[in-house]
Amino acid sequence: MSPAREAALRAMSLVRKGKFMSEAVDEAVRAFGLGRRAAALCARIVHEALSNRGYIASVLEHWSKLPMNRLEYVVYDILAIGAAQLLFMDRIPPSAAVNEAVELCRKYGGERATSYVNGVLRRVAENRGRPIALLERCSGAEYLGYRYSCARWIAEEFVRRRGYEGAEALCQANNAEPPLTIQVNTLKTGSAELSGALQAAGIEAAPGLLPGSFDLPASGLISGLPGYDGGYFYVQDSAARMAVEAAAPEKGMSVLDACSAPGGKSFAAAIRMGGEGSILACDLKEKRLRRVAEGAKRLGLEGIIRTRAMDARQPGEELRGRFDVVIADAPCSGLGVIRRKPEIRYKTDYETASLPAIQLAILSGLAGCVKPGGTLLYSTCTLLERENEDVVRAFLSDNGGFTATDERTLWPDIDKTDGFFICRMVKSI
């Protein structure tokens, strides 16, 4: 039996228990002691199974003689990872995908279910090019929701903002496996040195979108990469670093990263500042700040980064007028990072409805912390106008001392980054 597929099954069960995909894959890879190639296969299988879960469920239901809700979870997960390979991983021979699923079922699902799993997956394999009836009956946003496995209201929002063709391109990008993007800690090493170490370890490292970054294949073994323990890099998508670049912190400045966990923007700011100045990294829960402090220590940035638990809606009075740059990477619906967190693709509209009020309260609370002439940077990893442009408009209408100088949306299909909104505002008085 393939250890990669066994680990993939373990990861699927961990996701069911509430873990994010990346955490589940990392835990499963460690549990089975997978090497890099096997870890990459495990990560890809899980990503395809979760990113296409609605479509896969429809296909399995179509070719099964039993309703899916009658199956044990483990049997369904075995079917899902088998179907993911058959439908979305062309380089895997169909016979291998089916046979490995049967062996998984024999070990974890029981002998009685093996013939059922074998029969369903063989029918899926034999009919891979044939559209299922459900999709033939759909059109517009409804079709996008079924075909690309996302809530219909999300598909409707994408169509409203980008038109049908743009929305489909976005949905396709959301279902593609993203690279693992790492940013070089230039306070400790250089791009050439890190690239050489990665190549020596047999890891393909393509130049990232920004200088001092690399795109690696996803593997679920981040802590095992060369240079990790030495703090030579940290993981951060180019979009998040672009937000810090827009804020433009410089040497000697004072920076408030108000919603900092897990710390990527604080790390990017500290490195951009050459390790000179001060950064106060805050978050609502002390527990979330432990990762920030641990990351700062690994990267050698503990001298510039301090942490503090704080509700960004109500910063302490002693923080008023103290900072050259305030970064508000506000809590959001996360619909720009669906490709990294496929668990969120079926969020309900109701779950996200209260976020704009929270985001506006955060911006309003932080406004007083900015020095005259200083910068307030608002960013989210969502693509909903109500959480982005609408929040900025509401804030500016109530805060005449601020002017927006840079506002942009990054799209996964167009910009090849996570979906992100960035708005830089300057305080005049």
Protein backbone atom coordinates (compact mmCIF):
# COMPACT_ATOMS: atom_id res chain seq x y z
CA MET A 1 0.00 0.00 0.00
CA SER A 2 1.23 3.49 -0.87
CA PRO A 3 2.23 5.40 2.30
CA ALA A 4 1.36 8.66 0.54
CA ARG A 5 -2.25 7.58 0.05
CA GLU A 6 -2.45 6.20 3.58
CA ALA A 7 -1.22 9.56 4.86
CA ALA A 8 -3.77 11.31 2.61
CA LEU A 9 -6.55 9.30 4.23
CA ARG A 10 -5.24 10.27 7.67
CA ALA A 11 -5.19 13.95 6.63
CA MET A 12 -8.79 13.74 5.41
CA SER A 13 -9.88 12.41 8.80
CA LEU A 14 -8.01 15.24 10.55
CA VAL A 15 -9.79 17.82 8.40
CA ARG A 16 -13.07 16.26 9.45
CA LYS A 17 -12.01 16.89 13.05
CA GLY A 18 -11.53 20.60 12.35
CA LYS A 19 -7.91 21.00 11.28
CA PHE A 20 -7.01 23.18 8.32
CA MET A 21 -5.74 21.28 5.30
CA SER A 22 -2.12 22.45 5.66
CA GLU A 23 -2.01 21.43 9.33
CA ALA A 24 -3.63 18.06 8.59
CA VAL A 25 -1.24 17.25 5.76
CA ASP A 26 1.79 18.26 7.83
CA GLU A 27 0.67 16.06 10.73
CA ALA A 28 -0.05 13.08 8.46
CA VAL A 29 3.27 13.44 6.62
CA ARG A 30 5.12 13.39 9.93
CA ALA A 31 3.11 10.45 11.26
CA PHE A 32 4.03 8.29 8.25
CA GLY A 33 7.58 9.60 7.93
CA LEU A 34 7.14 10.45 4.24
CA GLY A 35 10.03 11.62 2.09
CA ARG A 36 9.68 14.69 -0.07
CA ARG A 37 8.19 13.03 -3.17
CA ALA A 38 5.69 10.99 -1.18
CA ALA A 39 4.79 14.06 0.89
CA ALA A 40 4.16 16.05 -2.29
CA LEU A 41 1.88 13.30 -3.61
CA CYS A 42 -0.03 13.20 -0.32
CA ALA A 43 -0.45 16.99 -0.36
CA ARG A 44 -1.69 16.98 -3.96
CA ILE A 45 -4.23 14.20 -3.37
CA VAL A 46 -5.69 15.94 -0.32
CA HIS A 47 -5.77 19.29 -2.08
CA GLU A 48 -7.64 17.88 -5.07
CA ALA A 49 -10.08 15.94 -2.86
CA LEU A 50 -10.95 18.99 -0.76
CA SER A 51 -10.84 21.62 -3.53
CA ASN A 52 -13.24 19.58 -5.66
CA ARG A 53 -15.27 17.98 -2.91
CA GLY A 54 -18.68 19.11 -4.16
CA TYR A 55 -18.00 17.96 -7.71
CA ILE A 56 -16.49 14.69 -6.49
CA ALA A 57 -19.54 14.07 -4.28
CA SER A 58 -21.83 14.57 -7.30
CA VAL A 59 -19.78 12.18 -9.44
CA LEU A 60 -19.66 9.51 -6.74
CA GLU A 61 -23.41 9.85 -6.10
CA HIS A 62 -24.01 9.49 -9.84
CA TRP A 63 -22.10 6.21 -10.15
CA SER A 64 -22.93 4.68 -6.78
CA LYS A 65 -25.81 2.31 -6.05
CA LEU A 66 -25.87 3.56 -2.47
CA PRO A 67 -26.56 7.10 -1.19
CA MET A 68 -23.34 8.72 0.03
CA ASN A 69 -24.88 9.59 3.40
CA ARG A 70 -25.16 5.89 4.23
CA LEU A 71 -21.41 5.34 4.06
CA GLU A 72 -19.01 5.38 6.97
CA TYR A 73 -16.78 8.45 6.88
CA VAL A 74 -13.64 6.42 6.25
CA VAL A 75 -15.20 4.64 3.26
CA TYR A 76 -16.38 7.92 1.78
CA ASP A 77 -12.94 9.49 2.26
CA ILE A 78 -11.32 6.53 0.50
CA LEU A 79 -13.72 7.03 -2.41
CA ALA A 80 -13.01 10.77 -2.43
CA ILE A 81 -9.23 10.47 -2.62
CA GLY A 82 -9.57 7.75 -5.24
CA ALA A 83 -11.90 9.90 -7.34
CA ALA A 84 -9.60 12.91 -6.91
CA GLN A 85 -6.78 10.96 -8.55
CA LEU A 86 -9.02 9.65 -11.33
CA LEU A 87 -10.60 12.99 -12.19
CA PHE A 88 -7.84 15.53 -11.52
CA MET A 89 -4.44 13.78 -11.58
CA ASP A 90 -3.84 12.59 -15.13
CA ARG A 91 -0.33 11.27 -14.46
CA ILE A 92 -1.62 8.57 -12.12
CA PRO A 93 -2.75 5.41 -13.98
CA PRO A 94 -6.44 4.70 -13.28
CA SER A 95 -5.61 1.14 -12.27
CA ALA A 96 -3.20 2.38 -9.62
CA ALA A 97 -5.75 4.82 -8.18
CA VAL A 98 -8.44 2.12 -7.99
CA ASN A 99 -6.21 -0.64 -6.65
CA GLU A 100 -4.69 1.57 -3.96
CA ALA A 101 -8.18 2.65 -2.85
CA VAL A 102 -9.22 -1.00 -2.58
CA GLU A 103 -6.18 -1.78 -0.41
CA LEU A 104 -6.93 1.24 1.79
CA CYS A 105 -10.50 0.04 2.18
CA ARG A 106 -9.37 -3.50 3.03
CA LYS A 107 -7.22 -2.11 5.86
CA TYR A 108 -9.39 0.74 7.15
CA GLY A 109 -12.91 0.26 5.83
CA GLY A 110 -13.47 -3.45 6.19
CA GLU A 111 -13.57 -6.32 3.71
CA ARG A 112 -17.29 -5.90 3.03
CA ALA A 113 -16.81 -2.42 1.58
CA THR A 114 -13.90 -3.28 -0.75
CA SER A 115 -16.01 -4.64 -3.60
CA TYR A 116 -18.28 -1.58 -3.39
CA VAL A 117 -15.31 0.83 -3.50
CA ASN A 118 -13.81 -1.13 -6.38
CA GLY A 119 -17.05 -1.03 -8.37
CA VAL A 120 -17.76 2.68 -7.87
CA LEU A 121 -14.24 3.81 -8.72
CA ARG A 122 -14.08 1.59 -11.79
CA ARG A 123 -17.27 3.20 -13.06
CA VAL A 124 -15.78 6.63 -12.38
CA ALA A 125 -12.61 5.65 -14.27
CA GLU A 126 -14.53 4.30 -17.26
CA ASN A 127 -16.66 7.46 -17.56
CA ARG A 128 -14.12 10.17 -16.77
CA GLY A 129 -14.84 12.17 -19.92
CA ARG A 130 -18.62 12.00 -19.62
CA PRO A 131 -20.44 14.95 -17.97
CA ILE A 132 -22.84 14.01 -15.20
CA ALA A 133 -26.51 14.89 -15.59
CA LEU A 134 -26.45 17.42 -12.76
CA LEU A 135 -24.01 19.70 -14.59
CA GLU A 136 -25.88 19.40 -17.88
CA ARG A 137 -28.92 20.93 -16.19
CA CYS A 138 -27.07 23.95 -14.77
CA SER A 139 -25.83 27.27 -16.10
CA GLY A 140 -24.34 30.53 -14.86
CA ALA A 141 -23.34 30.84 -11.20
CA GLU A 142 -25.19 27.62 -10.35
CA TYR A 143 -22.95 25.71 -12.78
CA LEU A 144 -19.80 27.34 -11.38
CA GLY A 145 -20.84 26.40 -7.86
CA TYR A 146 -21.31 22.73 -8.74
CA ARG A 147 -18.40 22.39 -11.16
CA TYR A 148 -15.82 24.18 -9.00
CA SER A 149 -17.18 23.21 -5.60
CA CYS A 150 -18.09 26.46 -3.92
CA ALA A 151 -21.20 27.91 -2.33
CA ARG A 152 -23.57 29.36 -4.91
CA TRP A 153 -23.62 32.80 -3.26
CA ILE A 154 -19.82 32.95 -3.60
CA ALA A 155 -20.06 32.08 -7.29
CA GLU A 156 -22.71 34.76 -7.71
CA GLU A 157 -20.43 37.35 -6.07
CA PHE A 158 -17.59 36.39 -8.41
CA VAL A 159 -19.87 36.68 -11.46
CA ARG A 160 -21.13 40.08 -10.26
CA ARG A 161 -17.58 41.42 -9.93
CA ARG A 162 -15.87 39.77 -12.89
CA GLY A 163 -18.57 38.62 -15.31
CA TYR A 164 -19.10 34.93 -16.11
CA GLU A 165 -15.83 34.27 -17.95
CA GLY A 166 -13.78 36.12 -15.34
CA ALA A 167 -15.56 34.28 -12.56
CA GLU A 168 -14.84 30.91 -14.14
CA ALA A 169 -11.16 31.80 -14.55
CA LEU A 170 -11.11 32.78 -10.87
CA CYS A 171 -12.80 29.53 -9.83
CA GLN A 172 -10.27 27.53 -11.86
CA ALA A 173 -7.41 29.37 -10.15
CA ASN A 174 -9.01 28.74 -6.76
CA ASN A 175 -8.96 25.00 -7.46
CA ALA A 176 -5.33 24.88 -8.64
CA GLU A 177 -2.67 23.77 -6.18
CA PRO A 178 -0.70 26.91 -5.21
CA PRO A 179 3.07 26.95 -4.77
CA LEU A 180 4.71 27.22 -1.39
CA THR A 181 6.12 30.75 -1.48
CA ILE A 182 9.02 31.57 0.82
CA GLN A 183 10.57 34.96 1.49
CA VAL A 184 14.33 35.21 2.08
CA ASN A 185 15.45 36.65 5.40
CA THR A 186 18.05 38.99 3.95
CA LEU A 187 19.29 39.84 7.44
CA LYS A 188 20.74 36.33 7.60
CA THR A 189 21.40 35.15 4.04
CA GLY A 190 21.02 36.02 0.37
CA SER A 191 18.82 34.69 -2.42
CA ALA A 192 21.72 33.00 -4.19
CA GLU A 193 22.84 31.19 -1.04
CA LEU A 194 19.36 29.94 -0.19
CA SER A 195 18.67 28.94 -3.80
CA GLY A 196 21.90 26.93 -3.83
CA ALA A 197 20.99 25.13 -0.61
CA LEU A 198 17.56 24.24 -1.95
CA GLN A 199 18.96 22.96 -5.25
CA ALA A 200 21.59 20.91 -3.42
CA ALA A 201 18.76 19.22 -1.54
CA GLY A 202 17.01 18.42 -4.83
CA ILE A 203 14.25 20.99 -4.33
CA GLU A 204 13.06 22.91 -7.36
CA ALA A 205 12.99 26.60 -6.44
CA ALA A 206 11.57 28.99 -9.04
CA PRO A 207 12.02 32.76 -8.57
CA GLY A 208 8.93 34.27 -6.94
CA LEU A 209 7.03 37.35 -8.07
CA LEU A 210 9.04 39.63 -5.79
CA PRO A 211 12.83 39.89 -5.40
CA GLY A 212 14.05 37.71 -2.57
CA SER A 213 11.29 35.10 -2.85
CA PHE A 214 10.99 31.57 -4.24
CA ASP A 215 8.08 29.37 -5.27
CA LEU A 216 8.49 25.72 -4.24
CA PRO A 217 6.28 22.70 -4.89
CA ALA A 218 3.87 22.07 -2.01
CA SER A 219 5.06 19.17 0.14
CA GLY A 220 3.82 19.47 3.72
CA LEU A 221 7.40 19.46 5.03
CA ILE A 222 8.13 23.14 5.59
CA SER A 223 10.22 22.67 8.72
CA GLY A 224 12.38 20.15 6.90
CA LEU A 225 13.51 22.60 4.22
CA PRO A 226 17.19 23.65 4.19
CA GLY A 227 17.64 26.86 6.15
CA TYR A 228 14.41 26.63 8.14
CA ASP A 229 16.01 26.05 11.52
CA GLY A 230 18.57 28.76 10.81
CA GLY A 231 15.83 31.31 10.09
CA TYR A 232 16.90 31.91 6.50
CA PHE A 233 13.31 32.26 5.26
CA TYR A 234 9.68 32.44 6.28
CA VAL A 235 6.54 31.35 4.44
CA GLN A 236 4.40 34.13 2.97
CA ASP A 237 2.47 34.54 -0.26
CA SER A 238 3.55 37.40 -2.51
CA ALA A 239 0.22 39.21 -1.99
CA ALA A 240 0.76 39.57 1.76
CA ARG A 241 4.28 40.87 1.21
CA MET A 242 2.96 43.32 -1.40
CA ALA A 243 0.72 44.76 1.32
CA VAL A 244 3.77 45.44 3.49
CA GLU A 245 5.60 46.93 0.51
CA ALA A 246 2.63 49.27 0.00
CA ALA A 247 2.88 50.37 3.65
CA ALA A 248 6.59 51.08 2.99
CA PRO A 249 8.08 50.91 6.51
CA GLU A 250 11.65 52.24 6.58
CA LYS A 251 14.65 51.94 8.90
CA GLY A 252 14.10 53.50 12.29
CA MET A 253 10.31 53.73 11.99
CA SER A 254 7.78 52.67 14.60
CA VAL A 255 5.24 50.15 13.27
CA LEU A 256 2.04 48.73 14.73
CA ASP A 257 0.92 45.43 13.19
CA ALA A 258 -2.51 45.35 14.78
CA CYS A 259 -3.81 41.92 13.67
CA SER A 260 -0.45 40.24 13.32
CA ALA A 261 -0.79 36.49 13.93
CA PRO A 262 0.81 34.35 12.57
CA GLY A 263 3.35 37.14 12.02
CA GLY A 264 4.21 37.25 8.32
CA LYS A 265 3.64 40.98 7.90
CA SER A 266 5.65 41.80 11.02
CA PHE A 267 8.51 39.66 9.70
CA ALA A 268 8.32 41.31 6.26
CA ALA A 269 8.31 44.79 7.82
CA ALA A 270 11.26 44.00 10.13
CA ILE A 271 13.36 42.67 7.26
CA ARG A 272 12.43 45.62 5.03
CA MET A 273 13.50 47.92 7.88
CA GLY A 274 16.87 46.21 8.07
CA GLY A 275 16.18 45.21 11.64
CA GLU A 276 16.26 48.87 12.76
CA GLY A 277 13.24 50.43 14.44
CA SER A 278 10.39 48.96 16.46
CA ILE A 279 7.40 46.80 15.66
CA LEU A 280 4.55 46.14 18.07
CA ALA A 281 2.80 42.96 16.90
CA CYS A 282 -0.67 42.63 18.40
CA ASP A 283 -3.53 40.20 18.23
CA LEU A 284 -6.69 39.60 20.19
CA LYS A 285 -5.52 36.38 21.89
CA GLU A 286 -2.21 35.86 23.67
CA LYS A 287 -2.20 32.26 22.43
CA ARG A 288 -2.07 33.40 18.80
CA LEU A 289 0.92 35.63 19.55
CA ARG A 290 3.08 32.67 20.58
CA ARG A 291 3.56 31.80 16.92
CA VAL A 292 4.62 35.37 16.21
CA ALA A 293 7.18 35.32 19.01
CA GLU A 294 8.48 31.89 17.99
CA GLY A 295 8.83 32.98 14.36
CA ALA A 296 10.59 36.20 15.33
CA LYS A 297 13.07 34.25 17.44
CA ARG A 298 13.78 31.75 14.64
CA LEU A 299 14.36 34.61 12.20
CA GLY A 300 16.51 36.59 14.63
CA LEU A 301 13.98 39.45 14.77
CA GLU A 302 13.14 39.36 18.48
CA GLY A 303 15.14 42.56 18.99
CA ILE A 304 12.75 44.61 16.82
CA ILE A 305 9.44 42.77 17.29
CA ARG A 306 7.49 42.88 20.56
CA THR A 307 4.11 41.22 21.05
CA ARG A 308 1.06 42.36 22.97
CA ALA A 309 -2.51 41.07 23.27
CA MET A 310 -4.90 43.82 22.22
CA ASP A 311 -8.33 44.36 20.74
CA ALA A 312 -7.55 46.50 17.67
CA ARG A 313 -10.97 48.15 18.01
CA GLN A 314 -9.89 49.61 21.35
CA PRO A 315 -6.11 50.23 21.40
CA GLY A 316 -4.65 51.65 24.59
CA GLU A 317 -4.62 55.42 25.01
CA GLU A 318 -0.82 55.31 25.34
CA LEU A 319 -0.59 54.19 21.70
CA ARG A 320 -2.25 57.29 20.26
CA GLY A 321 -0.11 59.18 17.73
CA ARG A 322 2.90 56.89 18.25
CA PHE A 323 3.33 55.06 14.94
CA ASP A 324 4.71 55.92 11.53
CA VAL A 325 2.98 52.90 10.03
CA VAL A 326 -0.10 51.03 11.26
CA ILE A 327 -0.97 47.78 9.49
CA ALA A 328 -4.55 46.51 9.80
CA ASP A 329 -4.76 43.10 8.15
CA ALA A 330 -8.30 42.65 9.34
CA PRO A 331 -10.15 39.40 10.04
CA CYS A 332 -12.20 38.58 6.97
CA SER A 333 -14.12 35.87 5.13
CA GLY A 334 -10.87 34.63 3.51
CA LEU A 335 -12.37 34.08 0.07
CA GLY A 336 -9.10 35.14 -1.56
CA VAL A 337 -7.26 32.14 -0.10
CA ILE A 338 -9.71 29.40 -1.04
CA ARG A 339 -6.91 27.67 -2.95
CA ARG A 340 -4.94 27.35 0.32
CA LYS A 341 -7.90 26.75 2.62
CA PRO A 342 -10.46 24.74 0.63
CA GLU A 343 -12.37 24.11 3.86
CA ILE A 344 -13.89 27.61 3.59
CA ARG A 345 -15.42 27.29 0.12
CA TYR A 346 -18.83 26.45 1.56
CA LYS A 347 -19.00 29.27 4.09
CA THR A 348 -22.50 30.72 4.29
CA ASP A 349 -23.35 34.32 3.51
CA TYR A 350 -24.70 34.59 7.05
CA GLU A 351 -21.32 33.62 8.57
CA THR A 352 -19.61 36.58 6.91
CA ALA A 353 -22.34 39.22 7.24
CA SER A 354 -21.03 40.73 10.50
CA LEU A 355 -17.44 41.18 9.31
CA PRO A 356 -17.67 44.66 7.67
CA ALA A 357 -18.78 46.22 10.96
CA ILE A 358 -15.85 44.62 12.77
CA GLN A 359 -13.41 45.72 10.06
CA LEU A 360 -14.66 49.31 10.17
CA ALA A 361 -14.42 49.32 13.98
CA ILE A 362 -10.80 48.14 13.72
CA LEU A 363 -9.87 50.88 11.25
CA SER A 364 -11.64 53.52 13.34
CA GLY A 365 -9.92 52.32 16.49
CA LEU A 366 -6.48 52.35 14.92
CA ALA A 367 -6.81 55.75 13.21
CA GLY A 368 -5.71 57.56 16.34
CA CYS A 369 -2.51 55.50 16.59
CA VAL A 370 -1.11 56.98 13.35
CA LYS A 371 1.24 59.96 13.52
CA PRO A 372 0.43 63.00 11.34
CA GLY A 373 1.95 62.20 7.95
CA GLY A 374 1.93 58.49 8.83
CA THR A 375 0.42 55.54 6.98
CA LEU A 376 -2.60 53.37 7.77
CA LEU A 377 -2.55 50.19 5.67
CA TYR A 378 -5.81 48.22 5.39
CA SER A 379 -5.68 44.76 3.84
CA THR A 380 -7.76 41.60 3.69
CA CYS A 381 -7.44 38.21 2.03
CA THR A 382 -10.97 38.33 0.66
CA LEU A 383 -12.50 39.46 -2.63
CA LEU A 384 -15.85 40.73 -1.38
CA GLU A 385 -16.50 44.40 -2.07
CA ARG A 386 -18.47 44.80 1.15
CA GLU A 387 -15.37 43.85 3.17
CA ASN A 388 -12.95 45.87 1.05
CA GLU A 389 -13.91 48.96 -0.93
CA ASP A 390 -17.11 49.54 1.05
CA VAL A 391 -15.24 49.46 4.37
CA VAL A 392 -12.63 51.93 3.10
CA ARG A 393 -15.31 54.29 1.77
CA ALA A 394 -17.15 54.21 5.09
CA PHE A 395 -13.93 54.85 7.02
CA LEU A 396 -12.83 57.77 4.82
CA SER A 397 -16.24 59.41 5.04
CA ASP A 398 -15.92 59.46 8.84
CA ASN A 399 -12.20 60.30 8.97
CA GLY A 400 -11.47 63.34 6.81
CA GLY A 401 -7.86 63.48 7.93
CA PHE A 402 -7.00 60.40 5.85
CA THR A 403 -6.49 60.14 2.08
CA ALA A 404 -6.28 56.90 0.09
CA THR A 405 -3.12 56.91 -2.03
CA ASP A 406 -3.01 53.30 -3.26
CA GLU A 407 -5.95 50.91 -3.60
CA ARG A 408 -5.90 47.62 -5.47
CA THR A 409 -7.28 44.10 -5.62
CA LEU A 410 -5.05 41.14 -6.42
CA TRP A 411 -6.74 38.21 -8.19
CA PRO A 412 -5.39 34.61 -8.17
CA ASP A 413 -6.06 34.12 -11.89
CA ILE A 414 -4.69 37.50 -13.01
CA ASP A 415 -1.90 38.31 -10.54
CA LYS A 416 -0.86 34.72 -9.72
CA THR A 417 -1.10 35.46 -6.00
CA ASP A 418 -3.61 34.86 -3.26
CA GLY A 419 -6.69 37.04 -3.61
CA PHE A 420 -5.99 40.22 -1.65
CA PHE A 421 -7.20 43.76 -1.14
CA ILE A 422 -4.73 46.53 -0.27
CA CYS A 423 -5.46 50.16 0.58
CA ARG A 424 -2.79 52.62 1.77
CA MET A 425 -4.11 55.71 3.50
CA VAL A 426 -2.04 58.69 4.67
CA LYS A 427 -2.93 60.83 7.67
CA SER A 428 -2.62 64.54 6.96
CA ILE A 429 -3.50 65.87 10.42
